Amino acid sequence: MKALLKLNEAVGKIEAFFLCFFLMTMVILAFVQVVARNVFNEGIPWADTVVRLMVLWVGFLGACLATKLDQHLTMEILTKYMSERVKHASAVVVKLFAIFVCYWLFMASLKFIANERSTGEQFLHLFPSWWTLTIIPLTFVLIPFHFLFTIARDVTLFLKGKAE
């Protein structure tokens, strides 16, 4: 179990690194694009496309990291009045349902990637455009992976009857 916990931490650090890298790059590239357009009346032709793609990656990586940190969206108004044990039990049910949804989204994303792959389009004439979309199925693998650890924690806390 310790090896899996270390793997979860390592995956989280990799997600955080790429999230920060893409976010910084996106902000810098957008700034340079604005300056180039306003000062030199010319922009970088590929900058808007790359920034748009980075928004996609930042959003999906952020969702993965939020799940790892157990900071994803919750309905606090419902859990506010529950006992600690009931909160942990309901969290397990909700997270199991989320894993089920992630499975179907993963399957749909594979079909989406297959459709994109069949078009043969290139991203900036460098590589197949479907490569840029691999974050979508990857996210629907990483989110359930992280949920399993928070579920294990919730089950442990439920059995102990304690708050975190």
Protein backbone atom coordinates (compact mmCIF):
# COMPACT_ATOMS: atom_id res chain seq x y z
CA MET A 1 0.00 0.00 0.00
CA LYS A 2 2.90 2.37 0.72
CA ALA A 3 4.13 1.93 -2.84
CA LEU A 4 0.70 2.91 -4.19
CA LEU A 5 0.59 5.95 -1.91
CA LYS A 6 4.01 6.99 -3.18
CA LEU A 7 2.81 6.47 -6.74
CA ASN A 8 -0.24 8.65 -6.03
CA GLU A 9 2.04 11.37 -4.63
CA ALA A 10 4.41 11.10 -7.60
CA VAL A 11 1.55 11.32 -10.10
CA GLY A 12 0.23 14.36 -8.22
CA LYS A 13 3.63 16.05 -8.40
CA ILE A 14 3.85 15.37 -12.14
CA GLU A 15 0.35 16.78 -12.62
CA ALA A 16 1.23 19.87 -10.57
CA PHE A 17 4.45 20.40 -12.54
CA PHE A 18 2.73 20.25 -15.92
CA LEU A 19 -0.17 22.35 -14.66
CA CYS A 20 2.22 25.09 -13.53
CA PHE A 21 4.35 24.79 -16.67
CA PHE A 22 1.37 25.05 -19.03
CA LEU A 23 -0.22 27.85 -17.01
CA MET A 24 2.97 29.93 -16.97
CA THR A 25 3.63 29.26 -20.65
CA MET A 26 0.05 30.13 -21.50
CA VAL A 27 0.19 33.45 -19.62
CA ILE A 28 3.57 34.40 -21.10
CA LEU A 29 2.54 33.44 -24.63
CA ALA A 30 -0.74 35.35 -24.36
CA PHE A 31 1.11 38.41 -23.02
CA VAL A 32 3.67 38.27 -25.82
CA GLN A 33 0.84 37.90 -28.33
CA VAL A 34 -0.96 40.98 -26.97
CA VAL A 35 2.25 43.05 -27.02
CA ALA A 36 3.13 41.87 -30.53
CA ARG A 37 -0.32 42.82 -31.83
CA ASN A 38 -0.56 46.18 -30.09
CA VAL A 39 3.03 47.37 -30.49
CA PHE A 40 4.17 45.76 -33.74
CA ASN A 41 0.76 45.24 -35.40
CA GLU A 42 1.64 41.62 -35.96
CA GLY A 43 0.99 38.56 -33.87
CA ILE A 44 2.49 35.13 -33.61
CA PRO A 45 0.42 33.05 -36.05
CA TRP A 46 0.34 29.89 -33.95
CA ALA A 47 0.06 31.49 -30.48
CA ASP A 48 -3.74 31.56 -30.21
CA THR A 49 -4.00 27.90 -31.18
CA VAL A 50 -1.38 26.87 -28.63
CA VAL A 51 -2.95 28.97 -25.86
CA ARG A 52 -6.37 27.45 -26.58
CA LEU A 53 -4.86 23.98 -26.36
CA MET A 54 -3.10 24.83 -23.10
CA VAL A 55 -6.42 25.99 -21.61
CA LEU A 56 -7.73 22.49 -22.29
CA TRP A 57 -4.70 20.86 -20.66
CA VAL A 58 -4.73 23.21 -17.65
CA GLY A 59 -8.42 22.52 -17.08
CA PHE A 60 -8.06 18.76 -17.22
CA LEU A 61 -4.85 18.69 -15.17
CA GLY A 62 -6.51 20.95 -12.63
CA ALA A 63 -9.39 18.50 -12.34
CA CYS A 64 -6.95 15.64 -11.75
CA LEU A 65 -5.05 17.57 -9.12
CA ALA A 66 -8.24 18.72 -7.39
CA THR A 67 -9.34 15.10 -7.16
CA LYS A 68 -5.99 14.06 -5.72
CA LEU A 69 -6.27 16.80 -3.09
CA ASP A 70 -9.95 15.91 -2.48
CA GLN A 71 -10.85 19.48 -3.40
CA HIS A 72 -13.25 18.77 -6.25
CA LEU A 73 -16.79 20.13 -6.32
CA THR A 74 -19.02 19.15 -3.43
CA MET A 75 -22.53 19.94 -2.28
CA GLU A 76 -21.61 21.30 1.12
CA ILE A 77 -25.12 22.40 1.90
CA LEU A 78 -26.10 18.73 2.07
CA THR A 79 -23.13 17.53 4.09
CA LYS A 80 -23.10 20.47 6.49
CA TYR A 81 -25.68 18.88 8.77
CA MET A 82 -24.49 15.26 8.54
CA SER A 83 -22.54 13.43 11.21
CA GLU A 84 -18.92 12.65 10.40
CA ARG A 85 -19.65 8.98 9.76
CA VAL A 86 -22.50 9.77 7.39
CA LYS A 87 -20.33 12.34 5.58
CA HIS A 88 -17.66 9.73 4.94
CA ALA A 89 -20.21 7.12 3.85
CA SER A 90 -21.90 9.55 1.46
CA ALA A 91 -18.49 10.61 0.12
CA VAL A 92 -17.71 6.98 -0.73
CA VAL A 93 -21.02 6.59 -2.58
CA VAL A 94 -20.54 9.84 -4.50
CA LYS A 95 -16.94 8.97 -5.44
CA LEU A 96 -17.91 5.47 -6.59
CA PHE A 97 -20.57 7.04 -8.79
CA ALA A 98 -17.97 9.50 -10.11
CA ILE A 99 -15.69 6.59 -10.99
CA PHE A 100 -18.58 4.99 -12.88
CA VAL A 101 -19.14 8.25 -14.79
CA CYS A 102 -15.39 8.52 -15.50
CA TYR A 103 -15.47 5.05 -17.03
CA TRP A 104 -18.15 6.10 -19.53
CA LEU A 105 -16.40 9.38 -20.25
CA PHE A 106 -13.16 7.47 -20.80
CA MET A 107 -14.89 5.18 -23.31
CA ALA A 108 -16.42 8.19 -25.09
CA SER A 109 -13.06 9.96 -25.15
CA LEU A 110 -11.45 6.93 -26.80
CA LYS A 111 -14.07 7.11 -29.56
CA PHE A 112 -13.43 10.85 -29.87
CA ILE A 113 -9.68 10.29 -30.17
CA ALA A 114 -10.26 7.55 -32.76
CA ASN A 115 -12.42 9.95 -34.80
CA GLU A 116 -9.79 12.67 -34.56
CA ARG A 117 -7.08 10.20 -35.54
CA SER A 118 -9.01 9.16 -38.64
CA THR A 119 -9.01 12.74 -39.95
CA GLY A 120 -5.23 12.75 -40.33
CA GLU A 121 -5.03 16.43 -39.33
CA GLN A 122 -1.72 17.84 -38.13
CA PHE A 123 -1.17 20.21 -35.21
CA LEU A 124 0.85 23.17 -36.51
CA HIS A 125 2.20 20.82 -39.18
CA LEU A 126 4.35 19.15 -36.51
CA PHE A 127 2.52 16.02 -35.35
CA PRO A 128 -0.95 14.44 -35.48
CA SER A 129 -3.55 16.69 -33.85
CA TRP A 130 -5.08 13.81 -31.90
CA TRP A 131 -1.91 13.71 -29.76
CA THR A 132 -2.90 17.08 -28.29
CA LEU A 133 -6.21 15.60 -27.11
CA THR A 134 -4.77 12.65 -25.21
CA ILE A 135 -5.24 14.59 -21.97
CA ILE A 136 -8.97 13.80 -22.17
CA PRO A 137 -8.81 9.99 -21.79
CA LEU A 138 -5.77 10.34 -19.52
CA THR A 139 -7.84 12.52 -17.18
CA PHE A 140 -10.58 9.91 -16.98
CA VAL A 141 -7.96 7.38 -15.88
CA LEU A 142 -6.21 9.67 -13.38
CA ILE A 143 -9.37 10.95 -11.66
CA PRO A 144 -10.59 7.44 -10.67
CA PHE A 145 -7.02 6.57 -9.66
CA HIS A 146 -6.99 9.49 -7.23
CA PHE A 147 -10.55 8.78 -6.09
CA LEU A 148 -9.52 5.29 -4.97
CA PHE A 149 -7.13 6.79 -2.43
CA THR A 150 -9.68 9.24 -1.08
CA ILE A 151 -12.24 6.44 -0.92
CA ALA A 152 -9.81 4.33 1.11
CA ARG A 153 -9.31 7.27 3.47
CA ASP A 154 -13.07 7.86 3.77
CA VAL A 155 -13.72 4.17 4.50
CA THR A 156 -11.01 4.17 7.17
CA LEU A 157 -12.44 7.30 8.78
CA PHE A 158 -15.97 5.90 8.57
CA LEU A 159 -14.91 2.73 10.35
CA LYS A 160 -13.11 4.74 13.03
CA GLY A 161 -16.03 7.16 13.26
CA LYS A 162 -13.67 10.14 13.30
CA ALA A 163 -13.27 13.36 11.43
CA GLU A 164 -10.10 13.95 9.49
